[in-house]
Amino acid sequence: MLSSWARQNFYELDFNLGLGKPEALRRPKFFPVENLIYILPRRLDGELVVAICLRGEDMDWLKAHEEFVKYWNYIG
């Protein structure tokens, strides 16, 4: 399953609270659902943050995959 918010322009929001625009966005509560992928809104610099729910063995495989690790950083 996939939920993409990549094209949402949340980084341009200003709620007029004197805090300015957001620097980072995250889901407030994330219930793990195996094989669910969330693509968060694209940052102003073009970077995407992706949250993936995988079994431990599948995540270990991705972290060890030579081609895949060229394009991502595991945050944990």
PDB file of N, CA and C in Angstrom:
ATOM      1  N   MET A   1       0.853  -1.175   0.000  1.00  0.00           N
ATOM      2  CA  MET A   1       0.000   0.000   0.000  1.00  0.00           C
ATOM      3  C   MET A   1       0.896   1.234   0.000  1.00  0.00           C
ATOM      4  N   LEU A   2       0.405   2.287  -0.603  1.00  0.00           N
ATOM      5  CA  LEU A   2       1.193   3.510  -0.732  1.00  0.00           C
ATOM      6  C   LEU A   2       0.313   4.722  -0.474  1.00  0.00           C
ATOM      7  N   SER A   3       0.835   5.654   0.312  1.00  0.00           N
ATOM      8  CA  SER A   3       0.171   6.931   0.538  1.00  0.00           C
ATOM      9  C   SER A   3       1.196   8.023   0.263  1.00  0.00           C
ATOM     10  N   SER A   4       0.974   8.818  -0.773  1.00  0.00           N
ATOM     11  CA  SER A   4       1.934   9.840  -1.151  1.00  0.00           C
ATOM     12  C   SER A   4       1.370  11.237  -0.900  1.00  0.00           C
ATOM     13  N   TRP A   5       2.140  12.001  -0.132  1.00  0.00           N
ATOM     14  CA  TRP A   5       1.825  13.414   0.087  1.00  0.00           C
ATOM     15  C   TRP A   5       2.892  14.276  -0.577  1.00  0.00           C
ATOM     16  N   ALA A   6       3.657  13.695  -1.494  1.00  0.00           N
ATOM     17  CA  ALA A   6       4.828  14.358  -2.077  1.00  0.00           C
ATOM     18  C   ALA A   6       4.484  15.692  -2.741  1.00  0.00           C
ATOM     19  N   ARG A   7       3.340  15.805  -3.322  1.00  0.00           N
ATOM     20  CA  ARG A   7       2.989  17.043  -4.040  1.00  0.00           C
ATOM     21  C   ARG A   7       2.223  18.053  -3.191  1.00  0.00           C
ATOM     22  N   GLN A   8       2.009  17.735  -1.928  1.00  0.00           N
ATOM     23  CA  GLN A   8       1.344  18.686  -1.036  1.00  0.00           C
ATOM     24  C   GLN A   8       2.342  19.767  -0.637  1.00  0.00           C
ATOM     25  N   ASN A   9       1.929  20.987  -0.632  1.00  0.00           N
ATOM     26  CA  ASN A   9       2.819  22.123  -0.407  1.00  0.00           C
ATOM     27  C   ASN A   9       2.799  22.582   1.054  1.00  0.00           C
ATOM     28  N   PHE A  10       2.988  21.667   1.992  1.00  0.00           N
ATOM     29  CA  PHE A  10       2.899  21.985   3.419  1.00  0.00           C
ATOM     30  C   PHE A  10       4.023  22.892   3.910  1.00  0.00           C
ATOM     31  N   TYR A  11       5.161  22.881   3.236  1.00  0.00           N
ATOM     32  CA  TYR A  11       6.279  23.708   3.697  1.00  0.00           C
ATOM     33  C   TYR A  11       6.057  25.194   3.434  1.00  0.00           C
ATOM     34  N   GLU A  12       5.045  25.534   2.696  1.00  0.00           N
ATOM     35  CA  GLU A  12       4.728  26.933   2.443  1.00  0.00           C
ATOM     36  C   GLU A  12       3.662  27.469   3.413  1.00  0.00           C
ATOM     37  N   LEU A  13       3.122  26.603   4.266  1.00  0.00           N
ATOM     38  CA  LEU A  13       2.074  27.021   5.204  1.00  0.00           C
ATOM     39  C   LEU A  13       2.623  27.950   6.272  1.00  0.00           C
ATOM     40  N   ASP A  14       1.815  28.909   6.665  1.00  0.00           N
ATOM     41  CA  ASP A  14       2.138  29.787   7.787  1.00  0.00           C
ATOM     42  C   ASP A  14       0.841  30.002   8.552  1.00  0.00           C
ATOM     43  N   PHE A  15       0.820  29.604   9.806  1.00  0.00           N
ATOM     44  CA  PHE A  15      -0.408  29.686  10.606  1.00  0.00           C
ATOM     45  C   PHE A  15      -0.537  31.012  11.349  1.00  0.00           C
ATOM     46  N   ASN A  16       0.340  31.966  11.016  1.00  0.00           N
ATOM     47  CA  ASN A  16       0.307  33.308  11.624  1.00  0.00           C
ATOM     48  C   ASN A  16       0.397  33.260  13.143  1.00  0.00           C
ATOM     49  N   LEU A  17       1.219  32.362  13.664  1.00  0.00           N
ATOM     50  CA  LEU A  17       1.447  32.260  15.107  1.00  0.00           C
ATOM     51  C   LEU A  17       2.812  32.832  15.485  1.00  0.00           C
ATOM     52  N   GLY A  18       3.487  33.441  14.524  1.00  0.00           N
ATOM     53  CA  GLY A  18       4.808  33.992  14.772  1.00  0.00           C
ATOM     54  C   GLY A  18       5.913  32.945  14.737  1.00  0.00           C
ATOM     55  N   LEU A  19       5.608  31.741  14.298  1.00  0.00           N
ATOM     56  CA  LEU A  19       6.591  30.663  14.270  1.00  0.00           C
ATOM     57  C   LEU A  19       7.259  30.507  12.912  1.00  0.00           C
ATOM     58  N   GLY A  20       6.702  31.129  11.893  1.00  0.00           N
ATOM     59  CA  GLY A  20       7.244  30.981  10.549  1.00  0.00           C
ATOM     60  C   GLY A  20       6.753  29.703   9.892  1.00  0.00           C
ATOM     61  N   LYS A  21       7.421  29.330   8.830  1.00  0.00           N
ATOM     62  CA  LYS A  21       7.042  28.140   8.059  1.00  0.00           C
ATOM     63  C   LYS A  21       7.696  26.902   8.661  1.00  0.00           C
ATOM     64  N   PRO A  22       7.101  25.736   8.439  1.00  0.00           N
ATOM     65  CA  PRO A  22       7.664  24.509   9.008  1.00  0.00           C
ATOM     66  C   PRO A  22       9.029  24.160   8.406  1.00  0.00           C
ATOM     67  N   GLU A  23       9.881  23.569   9.233  1.00  0.00           N
ATOM     68  CA  GLU A  23      11.186  23.083   8.785  1.00  0.00           C
ATOM     69  C   GLU A  23      11.160  21.587   8.536  1.00  0.00           C
ATOM     70  N   ALA A  24      10.219  20.878   9.182  1.00  0.00           N
ATOM     71  CA  ALA A  24      10.119  19.422   9.022  1.00  0.00           C
ATOM     72  C   ALA A  24       8.671  19.004   9.235  1.00  0.00           C
ATOM     73  N   LEU A  25       8.288  17.920   8.595  1.00  0.00           N
ATOM     74  CA  LEU A  25       6.939  17.370   8.742  1.00  0.00           C
ATOM     75  C   LEU A  25       7.050  15.884   9.038  1.00  0.00           C
ATOM     76  N   ARG A  26       6.235  15.409   9.952  1.00  0.00           N
ATOM     77  CA  ARG A  26       6.164  13.986  10.285  1.00  0.00           C
ATOM     78  C   ARG A  26       4.723  13.622  10.571  1.00  0.00           C
ATOM     79  N   ARG A  27       4.415  12.348  10.426  1.00  0.00           N
ATOM     80  CA  ARG A  27       3.101  11.847  10.842  1.00  0.00           C
ATOM     81  C   ARG A  27       3.071  11.865  12.365  1.00  0.00           C
ATOM     82  N   PRO A  28       2.002  12.370  12.980  1.00  0.00           N
ATOM     83  CA  PRO A  28       1.967  12.437  14.444  1.00  0.00           C
ATOM     84  C   PRO A  28       1.898  11.071  15.114  1.00  0.00           C
ATOM     85  N   LYS A  29       1.225  10.119  14.500  1.00  0.00           N
ATOM     86  CA  LYS A  29       1.116   8.783  15.066  1.00  0.00           C
ATOM     87  C   LYS A  29       1.155   7.800  13.908  1.00  0.00           C
ATOM     88  N   PHE A  30       2.002   6.825  14.016  1.00  0.00           N
ATOM     89  CA  PHE A  30       2.187   5.884  12.918  1.00  0.00           C
ATOM     90  C   PHE A  30       1.920   4.474  13.422  1.00  0.00           C
ATOM     91  N   PHE A  31       0.793   3.922  13.043  1.00  0.00           N
ATOM     92  CA  PHE A  31       0.475   2.549  13.403  1.00  0.00           C
ATOM     93  C   PHE A  31       1.102   1.636  12.356  1.00  0.00           C
ATOM     94  N   PRO A  32       1.983   0.738  12.765  1.00  0.00           N
ATOM     95  CA  PRO A  32       2.651  -0.111  11.786  1.00  0.00           C
ATOM     96  C   PRO A  32       1.686  -1.053  11.065  1.00  0.00           C
ATOM     97  N   VAL A  33       1.708  -0.963   9.764  1.00  0.00           N
ATOM     98  CA  VAL A  33       0.939  -1.849   8.889  1.00  0.00           C
ATOM     99  C   VAL A  33       1.945  -2.400   7.880  1.00  0.00           C
ATOM    100  N   GLU A  34       2.209  -3.703   7.939  1.00  0.00           N
ATOM    101  CA  GLU A  34       3.236  -4.294   7.092  1.00  0.00           C
ATOM    102  C   GLU A  34       3.029  -3.939   5.619  1.00  0.00           C
ATOM    103  N   ASN A  35       4.114  -3.531   4.979  1.00  0.00           N
ATOM    104  CA  ASN A  35       4.175  -3.163   3.560  1.00  0.00           C
ATOM    105  C   ASN A  35       3.518  -1.829   3.232  1.00  0.00           C
ATOM    106  N   LEU A  36       3.247  -1.013   4.228  1.00  0.00           N
ATOM    107  CA  LEU A  36       2.680   0.316   3.993  1.00  0.00           C
ATOM    108  C   LEU A  36       3.820   1.316   3.824  1.00  0.00           C
ATOM    109  N   ILE A  37       3.727   2.153   2.794  1.00  0.00           N
ATOM    110  CA  ILE A  37       4.735   3.175   2.513  1.00  0.00           C
ATOM    111  C   ILE A  37       4.065   4.544   2.536  1.00  0.00           C
ATOM    112  N   TYR A  38       4.643   5.470   3.300  1.00  0.00           N
ATOM    113  CA  TYR A  38       4.191   6.863   3.308  1.00  0.00           C
ATOM    114  C   TYR A  38       5.293   7.714   2.692  1.00  0.00           C
ATOM    115  N   ILE A  39       4.933   8.491   1.675  1.00  0.00           N
ATOM    116  CA  ILE A  39       5.865   9.470   1.117  1.00  0.00           C
ATOM    117  C   ILE A  39       5.402  10.824   1.627  1.00  0.00           C
ATOM    118  N   LEU A  40       6.236  11.447   2.440  1.00  0.00           N
ATOM    119  CA  LEU A  40       5.878  12.720   3.046  1.00  0.00           C
ATOM    120  C   LEU A  40       6.105  13.857   2.050  1.00  0.00           C
ATOM    121  N   PRO A  41       5.566  15.045   2.327  1.00  0.00           N
ATOM    122  CA  PRO A  41       5.684  16.152   1.367  1.00  0.00           C
ATOM    123  C   PRO A  41       7.136  16.458   1.007  1.00  0.00           C
ATOM    124  N   ARG A  42       7.353  16.737  -0.266  1.00  0.00           N
ATOM    125  CA  ARG A  42       8.689  17.076  -0.758  1.00  0.00           C
ATOM    126  C   ARG A  42       9.164  18.357  -0.076  1.00  0.00           C
ATOM    127  N   ARG A  43      10.403  18.307   0.449  1.00  0.00           N
ATOM    128  CA  ARG A  43      10.966  19.478   1.103  1.00  0.00           C
ATOM    129  C   ARG A  43      11.302  20.552   0.070  1.00  0.00           C
ATOM    130  N   LEU A  44      11.547  21.753   0.527  1.00  0.00           N
ATOM    131  CA  LEU A  44      11.857  22.853  -0.384  1.00  0.00           C
ATOM    132  C   LEU A  44      13.132  22.589  -1.185  1.00  0.00           C
ATOM    133  N   ASP A  45      14.062  21.793  -0.619  1.00  0.00           N
ATOM    134  CA  ASP A  45      15.288  21.459  -1.345  1.00  0.00           C
ATOM    135  C   ASP A  45      15.105  20.258  -2.275  1.00  0.00           C
ATOM    136  N   GLY A  46      13.865  19.721  -2.358  1.00  0.00           N
ATOM    137  CA  GLY A  46      13.565  18.605  -3.249  1.00  0.00           C
ATOM    138  C   GLY A  46      13.662  17.236  -2.610  1.00  0.00           C
ATOM    139  N   GLU A  47      14.190  17.160  -1.395  1.00  0.00           N
ATOM    140  CA  GLU A  47      14.355  15.875  -0.717  1.00  0.00           C
ATOM    141  C   GLU A  47      13.010  15.294  -0.308  1.00  0.00           C
ATOM    142  N   LEU A  48      12.915  13.959  -0.388  1.00  0.00           N
ATOM    143  CA  LEU A  48      11.719  13.245   0.055  1.00  0.00           C
ATOM    144  C   LEU A  48      12.043  12.411   1.285  1.00  0.00           C
ATOM    145  N   VAL A  49      11.112  12.361   2.231  1.00  0.00           N
ATOM    146  CA  VAL A  49      11.207  11.461   3.372  1.00  0.00           C
ATOM    147  C   VAL A  49      10.151  10.391   3.162  1.00  0.00           C
ATOM    148  N   VAL A  50      10.580   9.142   3.274  1.00  0.00           N
ATOM    149  CA  VAL A  50       9.692   8.005   3.046  1.00  0.00           C
ATOM    150  C   VAL A  50       9.702   7.130   4.289  1.00  0.00           C
ATOM    151  N   ALA A  51       8.520   6.812   4.793  1.00  0.00           N
ATOM    152  CA  ALA A  51       8.377   5.898   5.931  1.00  0.00           C
ATOM    153  C   ALA A  51       7.849   4.574   5.393  1.00  0.00           C
ATOM    154  N   ILE A  52       8.556   3.490   5.732  1.00  0.00           N
ATOM    155  CA  ILE A  52       8.203   2.173   5.222  1.00  0.00           C
ATOM    156  C   ILE A  52       8.046   1.205   6.396  1.00  0.00           C
ATOM    157  N   CYS A  53       6.956   0.460   6.415  1.00  0.00           N
ATOM    158  CA  CYS A  53       6.740  -0.567   7.431  1.00  0.00           C
ATOM    159  C   CYS A  53       7.073  -1.933   6.826  1.00  0.00           C
ATOM    160  N   LEU A  54       8.165  -2.509   7.283  1.00  0.00           N
ATOM    161  CA  LEU A  54       8.587  -3.815   6.790  1.00  0.00           C
ATOM    162  C   LEU A  54       8.936  -4.726   7.961  1.00  0.00           C
ATOM    163  N   ARG A  55       8.914  -6.025   7.699  1.00  0.00           N
ATOM    164  CA  ARG A  55       9.421  -6.975   8.687  1.00  0.00           C
ATOM    165  C   ARG A  55      10.917  -6.743   8.823  1.00  0.00           C
ATOM    166  N   GLY A  56      11.474  -7.091   9.963  1.00  0.00           N
ATOM    167  CA  GLY A  56      12.897  -6.887  10.221  1.00  0.00           C
ATOM    168  C   GLY A  56      13.793  -7.507   9.170  1.00  0.00           C
ATOM    169  N   GLU A  57      13.478  -8.736   8.756  1.00  0.00           N
ATOM    170  CA  GLU A  57      14.320  -9.416   7.773  1.00  0.00           C
ATOM    171  C   GLU A  57      14.273  -8.722   6.414  1.00  0.00           C
ATOM    172  N   ASP A  58      13.119  -8.153   6.055  1.00  0.00           N
ATOM    173  CA  ASP A  58      13.019  -7.421   4.791  1.00  0.00           C
ATOM    174  C   ASP A  58      13.798  -6.112   4.854  1.00  0.00           C
ATOM    175  N   MET A  59      13.746  -5.432   5.998  1.00  0.00           N
ATOM    176  CA  MET A  59      14.496  -4.194   6.161  1.00  0.00           C
ATOM    177  C   MET A  59      15.998  -4.477   6.136  1.00  0.00           C
ATOM    178  N   ASP A  60      16.415  -5.565   6.768  1.00  0.00           N
ATOM    179  CA  ASP A  60      17.832  -5.950   6.742  1.00  0.00           C
ATOM    180  C   ASP A  60      18.297  -6.194   5.311  1.00  0.00           C
ATOM    181  N   TRP A  61      17.443  -6.839   4.506  1.00  0.00           N
ATOM    182  CA  TRP A  61      17.790  -7.090   3.104  1.00  0.00           C
ATOM    183  C   TRP A  61      17.982  -5.771   2.357  1.00  0.00           C
ATOM    184  N   LEU A  62      17.059  -4.810   2.573  1.00  0.00           N
ATOM    185  CA  LEU A  62      17.194  -3.516   1.893  1.00  0.00           C
ATOM    186  C   LEU A  62      18.464  -2.790   2.320  1.00  0.00           C
ATOM    187  N   LYS A  63      18.759  -2.807   3.617  1.00  0.00           N
ATOM    188  CA  LYS A  63      19.946  -2.117   4.115  1.00  0.00           C
ATOM    189  C   LYS A  63      21.234  -2.715   3.567  1.00  0.00           C
ATOM    190  N   ALA A  64      21.201  -3.978   3.174  1.00  0.00           N
ATOM    191  CA  ALA A  64      22.382  -4.644   2.633  1.00  0.00           C
ATOM    192  C   ALA A  64      22.430  -4.623   1.101  1.00  0.00           C
ATOM    193  N   HIS A  65      21.374  -4.148   0.452  1.00  0.00           N
ATOM    194  CA  HIS A  65      21.291  -4.174  -1.010  1.00  0.00           C
ATOM    195  C   HIS A  65      22.176  -3.079  -1.591  1.00  0.00           C
ATOM    196  N   GLU A  66      23.205  -3.487  -2.304  1.00  0.00           N
ATOM    197  CA  GLU A  66      24.232  -2.568  -2.805  1.00  0.00           C
ATOM    198  C   GLU A  66      23.670  -1.425  -3.663  1.00  0.00           C
ATOM    199  N   GLU A  67      22.802  -1.723  -4.590  1.00  0.00           N
ATOM    200  CA  GLU A  67      22.243  -0.692  -5.481  1.00  0.00           C
ATOM    201  C   GLU A  67      21.266   0.218  -4.727  1.00  0.00           C
ATOM    202  N   PHE A  68      20.462  -0.359  -3.872  1.00  0.00           N
ATOM    203  CA  PHE A  68      19.435   0.412  -3.157  1.00  0.00           C
ATOM    204  C   PHE A  68      20.046   1.454  -2.219  1.00  0.00           C
ATOM    205  N   VAL A  69      21.124   1.097  -1.517  1.00  0.00           N
ATOM    206  CA  VAL A  69      21.697   2.014  -0.530  1.00  0.00           C
ATOM    207  C   VAL A  69      22.385   3.222  -1.155  1.00  0.00           C
ATOM    208  N   LYS A  70      22.559   3.226  -2.459  1.00  0.00           N
ATOM    209  CA  LYS A  70      23.129   4.406  -3.126  1.00  0.00           C
ATOM    210  C   LYS A  70      22.181   5.601  -3.060  1.00  0.00           C
ATOM    211  N   TYR A  71      20.894   5.334  -2.895  1.00  0.00           N
ATOM    212  CA  TYR A  71      19.878   6.383  -3.035  1.00  0.00           C
ATOM    213  C   TYR A  71      19.125   6.722  -1.755  1.00  0.00           C
ATOM    214  N   TRP A  72      19.503   6.158  -0.629  1.00  0.00           N
ATOM    215  CA  TRP A  72      18.747   6.422   0.589  1.00  0.00           C
ATOM    216  C   TRP A  72      19.640   6.360   1.811  1.00  0.00           C
ATOM    217  N   ASN A  73      19.146   6.940   2.905  1.00  0.00           N
ATOM    218  CA  ASN A  73      19.794   6.875   4.219  1.00  0.00           C
ATOM    219  C   ASN A  73      18.787   6.292   5.196  1.00  0.00           C
ATOM    220  N   TYR A  74      19.197   5.294   5.925  1.00  0.00           N
ATOM    221  CA  TYR A  74      18.332   4.699   6.940  1.00  0.00           C
ATOM    222  C   TYR A  74      18.415   5.540   8.210  1.00  0.00           C
ATOM    223  N   ILE A  75      17.271   6.013   8.717  1.00  0.00           N
ATOM    224  CA  ILE A  75      17.254   6.840   9.915  1.00  0.00           C
ATOM    225  C   ILE A  75      16.944   6.012  11.153  1.00  0.00           C
ATOM    226  N   GLY A  76      16.106   5.016  10.987  1.00  0.00           N
ATOM    227  CA  GLY A  76      15.800   4.115  12.107  1.00  0.00           C
ATOM    228  C   GLY A  76      14.534   4.411  12.680  1.00  0.00           C
TER     229      GLY A  76
END
